[in-house]
Amino acid sequence: MDVLLITDNPVFPEMTVAHECIHEWYHPVPSSNCYKSREEETKFFTEKRAVELVSELEGALTAANGGVNGRFLKFDPIPFLCVSDEPKPCQVFDQDNRMMYWDSNHVTTYASLKYVLPPFEQFLIDQAILV
């Protein structure tokens, strides 16, 4: 048995609605809550969650397989959702000014289909899960 962990997408906890991040003539500088660096997101996952989560899942996987080790796979969407060339590339809107988040932590259908689905499908193919 294999286990696939899909890590969190970037989260913008201080943002209430994505529209506060739109560049408009009357709102030329969006809130600083609309931008994050990859390092902020990656550090949060690796330091606060990954070590304990991976340990628990590997133990459960071995137990479920009757002591036989299975594969523990991790797909991280952060590199695909943090697509801007800005110093803080994790943004609520992409380069085409299309909304990537509905709120502080829910990715839009547009962002899922454009940025996450293609690399996720390739990941599944590379792992021989999807043919």
N, C-alpha and C. Protein backbone atom coordinates (compact mmCIF):
# COMPACT_ATOMS: atom_id res chain seq x y z
N MET A 1 0.84 -1.17 0.00
CA MET A 1 0.00 0.00 0.00
C MET A 1 0.89 1.24 0.00
N ASP A 2 0.49 2.22 -0.78
CA ASP A 2 1.18 3.50 -0.82
C ASP A 2 0.31 4.57 -0.17
N VAL A 3 0.95 5.58 0.36
CA VAL A 3 0.23 6.72 0.92
C VAL A 3 0.72 7.96 0.21
N LEU A 4 -0.23 8.79 -0.20
CA LEU A 4 0.09 10.05 -0.86
C LEU A 4 -0.35 11.20 0.02
N LEU A 5 0.59 12.05 0.37
CA LEU A 5 0.30 13.25 1.15
C LEU A 5 0.38 14.45 0.22
N ILE A 6 -0.68 15.21 0.17
CA ILE A 6 -0.68 16.46 -0.58
C ILE A 6 -0.61 17.57 0.45
N THR A 7 0.48 18.30 0.44
CA THR A 7 0.68 19.34 1.45
C THR A 7 -0.23 20.53 1.18
N ASP A 8 -0.31 21.41 2.15
CA ASP A 8 -1.16 22.60 2.04
C ASP A 8 -0.70 23.53 0.94
N ASN A 9 -1.67 24.25 0.39
CA ASN A 9 -1.36 25.36 -0.49
C ASN A 9 -0.98 26.55 0.38
N PRO A 10 -0.39 27.59 -0.20
CA PRO A 10 -0.09 28.77 0.62
C PRO A 10 -1.36 29.30 1.29
N VAL A 11 -1.20 29.80 2.49
CA VAL A 11 -2.33 30.32 3.27
C VAL A 11 -2.04 31.79 3.59
N PHE A 12 -3.08 32.60 3.49
CA PHE A 12 -2.97 34.03 3.77
C PHE A 12 -3.90 34.34 4.96
N PRO A 13 -3.46 34.04 6.18
CA PRO A 13 -4.35 34.11 7.35
C PRO A 13 -4.89 35.51 7.67
N GLU A 14 -4.20 36.54 7.27
CA GLU A 14 -4.64 37.90 7.60
C GLU A 14 -5.62 38.46 6.56
N MET A 15 -5.77 37.76 5.44
CA MET A 15 -6.66 38.24 4.38
C MET A 15 -8.08 37.75 4.64
N THR A 16 -9.03 38.64 4.50
CA THR A 16 -10.42 38.23 4.72
C THR A 16 -11.09 37.84 3.40
N VAL A 17 -10.89 38.63 2.34
CA VAL A 17 -11.43 38.31 1.02
C VAL A 17 -10.38 38.63 -0.03
N ALA A 18 -10.36 37.88 -1.10
CA ALA A 18 -9.34 38.07 -2.14
C ALA A 18 -9.43 39.43 -2.80
N HIS A 19 -10.60 40.01 -2.84
CA HIS A 19 -10.77 41.29 -3.53
C HIS A 19 -9.97 42.42 -2.90
N GLU A 20 -9.55 42.27 -1.65
CA GLU A 20 -8.73 43.32 -1.04
C GLU A 20 -7.33 43.34 -1.65
N CYS A 21 -7.01 42.35 -2.48
CA CYS A 21 -5.69 42.25 -3.09
C CYS A 21 -5.66 42.70 -4.55
N ILE A 22 -6.78 43.18 -5.06
CA ILE A 22 -6.85 43.62 -6.45
C ILE A 22 -6.13 44.96 -6.62
N HIS A 23 -5.35 45.07 -7.71
CA HIS A 23 -4.72 46.34 -8.07
C HIS A 23 -5.76 47.17 -8.82
N GLU A 24 -6.18 48.25 -8.24
CA GLU A 24 -7.16 49.15 -8.86
C GLU A 24 -6.65 50.58 -8.73
N TRP A 25 -7.16 51.46 -9.56
CA TRP A 25 -6.72 52.85 -9.51
C TRP A 25 -6.98 53.47 -8.13
N TYR A 26 -8.06 53.08 -7.50
CA TYR A 26 -8.41 53.62 -6.18
C TYR A 26 -7.75 52.84 -5.04
N HIS A 27 -7.08 51.74 -5.40
CA HIS A 27 -6.44 50.86 -4.41
C HIS A 27 -5.14 50.36 -5.03
N PRO A 28 -4.20 51.30 -5.30
CA PRO A 28 -3.00 50.93 -6.07
C PRO A 28 -2.03 49.98 -5.37
N VAL A 29 -2.02 49.99 -4.06
CA VAL A 29 -1.09 49.13 -3.33
C VAL A 29 -1.88 48.17 -2.46
N PRO A 30 -1.97 46.91 -2.88
CA PRO A 30 -2.70 45.93 -2.07
C PRO A 30 -2.04 45.73 -0.71
N SER A 31 -2.80 45.20 0.19
CA SER A 31 -2.33 44.90 1.54
C SER A 31 -1.13 43.96 1.50
N SER A 32 -0.25 44.09 2.47
CA SER A 32 0.88 43.17 2.57
C SER A 32 0.43 41.76 2.90
N ASN A 33 -0.84 41.62 3.28
CA ASN A 33 -1.40 40.29 3.55
C ASN A 33 -1.61 39.48 2.29
N CYS A 34 -1.40 40.09 1.13
CA CYS A 34 -1.67 39.44 -0.15
C CYS A 34 -0.44 38.78 -0.76
N TYR A 35 0.69 38.82 -0.08
CA TYR A 35 1.94 38.30 -0.63
C TYR A 35 2.68 37.49 0.43
N LYS A 36 3.33 36.42 -0.01
CA LYS A 36 4.18 35.62 0.88
C LYS A 36 5.35 35.08 0.07
N SER A 37 6.41 34.78 0.77
CA SER A 37 7.54 34.15 0.09
C SER A 37 7.38 32.64 0.15
N ARG A 38 8.03 31.93 -0.77
CA ARG A 38 8.01 30.46 -0.74
C ARG A 38 8.61 29.95 0.56
N GLU A 39 9.65 30.65 1.01
CA GLU A 39 10.32 30.23 2.23
C GLU A 39 9.38 30.27 3.43
N GLU A 40 8.52 31.28 3.50
CA GLU A 40 7.56 31.36 4.60
C GLU A 40 6.65 30.15 4.61
N GLU A 41 6.16 29.77 3.45
CA GLU A 41 5.25 28.63 3.35
C GLU A 41 5.97 27.31 3.58
N THR A 42 7.11 27.13 2.94
CA THR A 42 7.85 25.88 3.06
C THR A 42 8.33 25.68 4.49
N LYS A 43 8.83 26.73 5.11
CA LYS A 43 9.31 26.65 6.48
C LYS A 43 8.18 26.25 7.42
N PHE A 44 7.01 26.82 7.23
CA PHE A 44 5.87 26.50 8.09
C PHE A 44 5.56 25.01 8.01
N PHE A 45 5.51 24.47 6.80
CA PHE A 45 5.18 23.05 6.67
C PHE A 45 6.28 22.17 7.24
N THR A 46 7.51 22.40 6.85
CA THR A 46 8.58 21.50 7.25
C THR A 46 8.82 21.54 8.75
N GLU A 47 8.76 22.71 9.34
CA GLU A 47 9.07 22.80 10.76
C GLU A 47 7.91 22.40 11.66
N LYS A 48 6.72 22.79 11.32
CA LYS A 48 5.60 22.60 12.25
C LYS A 48 4.81 21.33 12.03
N ARG A 49 4.82 20.80 10.82
CA ARG A 49 3.95 19.66 10.57
C ARG A 49 4.67 18.41 10.09
N ALA A 50 5.59 18.56 9.21
CA ALA A 50 6.11 17.42 8.45
C ALA A 50 6.73 16.33 9.31
N VAL A 51 7.59 16.67 10.22
CA VAL A 51 8.32 15.66 10.98
C VAL A 51 7.36 14.73 11.71
N GLU A 52 6.44 15.29 12.45
CA GLU A 52 5.51 14.44 13.21
C GLU A 52 4.52 13.73 12.29
N LEU A 53 4.08 14.41 11.26
CA LEU A 53 3.11 13.81 10.34
C LEU A 53 3.72 12.64 9.57
N VAL A 54 4.90 12.84 9.04
CA VAL A 54 5.57 11.78 8.29
C VAL A 54 5.82 10.58 9.18
N SER A 55 6.27 10.81 10.38
CA SER A 55 6.53 9.72 11.31
C SER A 55 5.26 8.91 11.58
N GLU A 56 4.17 9.60 11.86
CA GLU A 56 2.90 8.93 12.12
C GLU A 56 2.41 8.15 10.90
N LEU A 57 2.50 8.76 9.75
CA LEU A 57 2.01 8.10 8.54
C LEU A 57 2.87 6.90 8.14
N GLU A 58 4.16 7.02 8.29
CA GLU A 58 5.03 5.88 7.97
C GLU A 58 4.74 4.71 8.90
N GLY A 59 4.51 4.99 10.18
CA GLY A 59 4.16 3.92 11.12
C GLY A 59 2.84 3.27 10.76
N ALA A 60 1.85 4.09 10.42
CA ALA A 60 0.54 3.56 10.04
C ALA A 60 0.63 2.77 8.74
N LEU A 61 1.44 3.23 7.81
CA LEU A 61 1.61 2.55 6.53
C LEU A 61 2.24 1.17 6.73
N THR A 62 3.27 1.10 7.53
CA THR A 62 3.92 -0.18 7.79
C THR A 62 2.96 -1.14 8.50
N ALA A 63 2.20 -0.63 9.46
CA ALA A 63 1.23 -1.47 10.16
C ALA A 63 0.14 -1.96 9.21
N ALA A 64 -0.34 -1.11 8.35
CA ALA A 64 -1.40 -1.49 7.40
C ALA A 64 -0.91 -2.52 6.39
N ASN A 65 0.37 -2.48 6.09
CA ASN A 65 0.95 -3.42 5.12
C ASN A 65 1.48 -4.68 5.80
N GLY A 66 1.11 -4.91 7.03
CA GLY A 66 1.57 -6.10 7.73
C GLY A 66 3.07 -6.12 7.95
N GLY A 67 3.64 -4.95 8.19
CA GLY A 67 5.07 -4.86 8.44
C GLY A 67 5.90 -4.63 7.19
N VAL A 68 5.29 -4.68 6.03
CA VAL A 68 6.01 -4.44 4.78
C VAL A 68 5.95 -2.95 4.48
N ASN A 69 7.10 -2.37 4.19
CA ASN A 69 7.13 -0.94 3.89
C ASN A 69 6.47 -0.65 2.56
N GLY A 70 5.60 0.34 2.54
CA GLY A 70 5.02 0.84 1.31
C GLY A 70 5.69 2.15 0.96
N ARG A 71 5.24 2.76 -0.09
CA ARG A 71 5.80 4.05 -0.47
C ARG A 71 5.02 5.17 0.20
N PHE A 72 5.76 6.12 0.69
CA PHE A 72 5.18 7.32 1.25
C PHE A 72 5.53 8.44 0.28
N LEU A 73 4.54 8.98 -0.41
CA LEU A 73 4.76 9.98 -1.44
C LEU A 73 4.21 11.32 -0.99
N LYS A 74 4.88 12.39 -1.39
CA LYS A 74 4.43 13.73 -1.01
C LYS A 74 4.38 14.60 -2.26
N PHE A 75 3.24 15.24 -2.46
CA PHE A 75 3.10 16.22 -3.54
C PHE A 75 2.93 17.58 -2.89
N ASP A 76 3.78 18.51 -3.28
CA ASP A 76 3.76 19.86 -2.70
C ASP A 76 3.32 20.85 -3.77
N PRO A 77 2.13 21.45 -3.63
CA PRO A 77 1.65 22.39 -4.65
C PRO A 77 2.27 23.79 -4.56
N ILE A 78 3.01 24.08 -3.51
CA ILE A 78 3.54 25.44 -3.33
C ILE A 78 4.38 25.91 -4.51
N PRO A 79 5.30 25.12 -5.05
CA PRO A 79 6.09 25.62 -6.19
C PRO A 79 5.23 25.96 -7.41
N PHE A 80 4.08 25.36 -7.52
CA PHE A 80 3.22 25.59 -8.68
C PHE A 80 2.23 26.73 -8.44
N LEU A 81 1.94 27.04 -7.19
CA LEU A 81 1.03 28.13 -6.87
C LEU A 81 1.76 29.45 -6.62
N CYS A 82 3.03 29.38 -6.33
CA CYS A 82 3.83 30.58 -6.11
C CYS A 82 4.57 30.88 -7.41
N VAL A 83 3.87 31.53 -8.33
CA VAL A 83 4.34 31.63 -9.71
C VAL A 83 4.81 33.03 -10.12
N SER A 84 4.71 33.98 -9.25
CA SER A 84 5.09 35.34 -9.59
C SER A 84 6.60 35.49 -9.65
N ASP A 85 7.06 36.51 -10.37
CA ASP A 85 8.48 36.84 -10.41
C ASP A 85 8.85 37.82 -9.31
N GLU A 86 7.89 38.19 -8.51
CA GLU A 86 8.11 39.14 -7.42
C GLU A 86 8.95 38.51 -6.31
N PRO A 87 9.53 39.34 -5.43
CA PRO A 87 10.28 38.79 -4.29
C PRO A 87 9.43 37.87 -3.41
N LYS A 88 8.14 38.15 -3.32
CA LYS A 88 7.22 37.28 -2.58
C LYS A 88 6.26 36.68 -3.60
N PRO A 89 6.60 35.55 -4.19
CA PRO A 89 5.85 35.01 -5.33
C PRO A 89 4.52 34.34 -4.99
N CYS A 90 4.25 34.06 -3.74
CA CYS A 90 2.96 33.47 -3.38
C CYS A 90 1.97 34.63 -3.26
N GLN A 91 1.11 34.76 -4.26
CA GLN A 91 0.20 35.90 -4.31
C GLN A 91 -1.23 35.44 -4.53
N VAL A 92 -2.15 36.29 -4.16
CA VAL A 92 -3.57 35.99 -4.28
C VAL A 92 -4.02 36.05 -5.74
N PHE A 93 -3.36 36.88 -6.55
CA PHE A 93 -3.65 37.01 -7.97
C PHE A 93 -2.42 36.61 -8.78
N ASP A 94 -2.62 36.01 -9.95
CA ASP A 94 -1.49 35.63 -10.79
C ASP A 94 -1.06 36.80 -11.68
N GLN A 95 -0.09 36.55 -12.58
CA GLN A 95 0.44 37.62 -13.44
C GLN A 95 -0.62 38.18 -14.38
N ASP A 96 -1.65 37.39 -14.68
CA ASP A 96 -2.73 37.86 -15.55
C ASP A 96 -3.84 38.55 -14.76
N ASN A 97 -3.57 38.81 -13.49
CA ASN A 97 -4.52 39.43 -12.57
C ASN A 97 -5.78 38.59 -12.38
N ARG A 98 -5.62 37.27 -12.49
CA ARG A 98 -6.73 36.34 -12.25
C ARG A 98 -6.65 35.86 -10.80
N MET A 99 -7.78 35.79 -10.16
CA MET A 99 -7.85 35.43 -8.76
C MET A 99 -7.47 33.95 -8.55
N MET A 100 -6.53 33.70 -7.65
CA MET A 100 -6.09 32.34 -7.35
C MET A 100 -6.69 31.82 -6.05
N TYR A 101 -7.21 32.71 -5.20
CA TYR A 101 -7.79 32.33 -3.92
C TYR A 101 -9.15 32.99 -3.75
N TRP A 102 -10.09 32.22 -3.20
CA TRP A 102 -11.40 32.78 -2.85
C TRP A 102 -11.32 33.53 -1.54
N ASP A 103 -10.52 32.99 -0.64
CA ASP A 103 -10.35 33.59 0.67
C ASP A 103 -8.96 33.24 1.16
N SER A 104 -8.76 33.24 2.45
CA SER A 104 -7.39 33.08 2.99
C SER A 104 -6.72 31.75 2.68
N ASN A 105 -7.48 30.70 2.38
CA ASN A 105 -6.83 29.40 2.18
C ASN A 105 -7.53 28.49 1.17
N HIS A 106 -8.46 29.00 0.37
CA HIS A 106 -9.14 28.17 -0.61
C HIS A 106 -8.78 28.61 -2.02
N VAL A 107 -8.13 27.72 -2.75
CA VAL A 107 -7.70 27.98 -4.11
C VAL A 107 -8.91 27.96 -5.04
N THR A 108 -8.92 28.86 -6.02
CA THR A 108 -10.02 28.90 -6.98
C THR A 108 -9.92 27.73 -7.96
N THR A 109 -11.01 27.45 -8.63
CA THR A 109 -11.02 26.40 -9.66
C THR A 109 -10.01 26.76 -10.74
N TYR A 110 -9.96 28.02 -11.12
CA TYR A 110 -9.00 28.48 -12.13
C TYR A 110 -7.57 28.11 -11.73
N ALA A 111 -7.16 28.44 -10.51
CA ALA A 111 -5.80 28.15 -10.06
C ALA A 111 -5.55 26.65 -9.97
N SER A 112 -6.54 25.91 -9.52
CA SER A 112 -6.39 24.44 -9.44
C SER A 112 -6.14 23.85 -10.82
N LEU A 113 -6.95 24.26 -11.78
CA LEU A 113 -6.84 23.69 -13.12
C LEU A 113 -5.59 24.17 -13.86
N LYS A 114 -5.24 25.42 -13.70
CA LYS A 114 -4.10 25.96 -14.44
C LYS A 114 -2.76 25.62 -13.80
N TYR A 115 -2.66 25.72 -12.49
CA TYR A 115 -1.37 25.62 -11.83
C TYR A 115 -1.11 24.30 -11.10
N VAL A 116 -2.14 23.65 -10.60
CA VAL A 116 -1.93 22.44 -9.79
C VAL A 116 -2.18 21.15 -10.56
N LEU A 117 -3.25 21.08 -11.32
CA LEU A 117 -3.62 19.83 -11.99
C LEU A 117 -2.54 19.29 -12.93
N PRO A 118 -1.98 20.09 -13.85
CA PRO A 118 -0.96 19.53 -14.76
C PRO A 118 0.25 18.91 -14.03
N PRO A 119 0.87 19.61 -13.06
CA PRO A 119 1.99 18.96 -12.38
C PRO A 119 1.57 17.78 -11.49
N PHE A 120 0.35 17.83 -10.95
CA PHE A 120 -0.13 16.72 -10.14
C PHE A 120 -0.34 15.48 -11.01
N GLU A 121 -0.92 15.66 -12.17
CA GLU A 121 -1.08 14.52 -13.09
C GLU A 121 0.28 13.94 -13.48
N GLN A 122 1.24 14.82 -13.76
CA GLN A 122 2.58 14.35 -14.12
C GLN A 122 3.23 13.60 -12.96
N PHE A 123 3.04 14.10 -11.75
CA PHE A 123 3.54 13.42 -10.55
C PHE A 123 2.97 12.00 -10.46
N LEU A 124 1.66 11.88 -10.67
CA LEU A 124 1.01 10.55 -10.61
C LEU A 124 1.54 9.63 -11.70
N ILE A 125 1.79 10.16 -12.87
CA ILE A 125 2.37 9.36 -13.96
C ILE A 125 3.78 8.93 -13.60
N ASP A 126 4.58 9.86 -13.10
CA ASP A 126 5.98 9.56 -12.72
C ASP A 126 6.05 8.49 -11.63
N GLN A 127 5.06 8.46 -10.76
CA GLN A 127 5.03 7.48 -9.66
C GLN A 127 4.33 6.19 -10.05
N ALA A 128 3.95 6.07 -11.32
CA ALA A 128 3.26 4.89 -11.85
C ALA A 128 1.93 4.64 -11.15
N ILE A 129 1.28 5.71 -10.73
CA ILE A 129 -0.05 5.60 -10.12
C ILE A 129 -1.10 5.82 -11.20
N LEU A 130 -0.81 6.72 -12.11
CA LEU A 130 -1.70 7.03 -13.23
C LEU A 130 -0.98 6.68 -14.51
N VAL A 131 -1.67 6.00 -15.38
CA VAL A 131 -1.04 5.57 -16.63
C VAL A 131 -1.56 6.40 -17.77
